[in-house]
Amino acid sequence: MAAVKFEGVDVLDALGQIMELHTQHYKDDFELDKELIPKLALSASPEDKHLLWMSRPFGTYTLRERDTYLEGTYEHNTWKFYHEQTKDPILAYALSLDGMQDGKVIGTIYPLDYASHVEHIKQLSCPIAKVTVTFEDGFVATLPYESRRRQMNELMPKHGSPKSIFYEPESERELAVILKRERFKREYHAVPGDFKEYIRRLEKDSVRGQIKDAKSAVVESHPHTHKQEQTR
């Protein structure tokens, strides 16, 4: 089956539809996605426009794609975890954000084969050399990756908690080449799809859809019984 992409979509509306079908518990996770994704769409950093998103039976995640390719980051470990440690069915997507339009985040959504995508990332991930940390009071420090925790703890009494952490790989050029190649391949192989049709198929495959089909099958096999129940 050819890879598809859904171009020029209202990203949060589309992800919300997927989440409603697939995520049964901790749906509040998506409220965090709805706060984060518009901020990233307005960011000046091109890397903030490339994200990975997953819907699980127990919640959702939005992660910066760049950071999933860096060994040991929260994003890298989170993206691998549900493939390696659980049997949860995962719906995974790459997002390319174009920006805001009439208050909506517009972009392209690429459905991914989660298991093979994780294995691919594991083969291509890069080691981290340094982290640049921005603290509560605005102080910025670049620290060696291996000793970052100790040095951050030493700086926190004076500068407050870390507000953001930027990971720097041993070779920024190598990471840039990997990301450029992966995005080019994803775009090249994907054909434009019909999102409404995709959601219809997803609904049919969901637990809710399977229950609905089972009820329809019962009605079709016992039409007279169903009719009697309606007339009681």
Foldseek 3Di string as FASTA:
>chain_A
DFWAKAAFDLVLVLVVLVQVQAAQEPACLSVVVVVQLQVLLPDPDQQSQKWKKKHWNHHIDIGRPLVLLEPPDPNVCVLCCCLPPHPIDMWMWIWGWPHDDPNTTTTMITTDPSNVVNVVSVVRHFYFAWKWWQFPQRDIDIGGPVCVVVVQVVCCVPGNHTPDIDTHGPDPVSSVVVVVVVVVVRVVRHHYDDSVVVSVVSNCPGPVNVVVVVVVVVCVVCVVVVVVVVVD
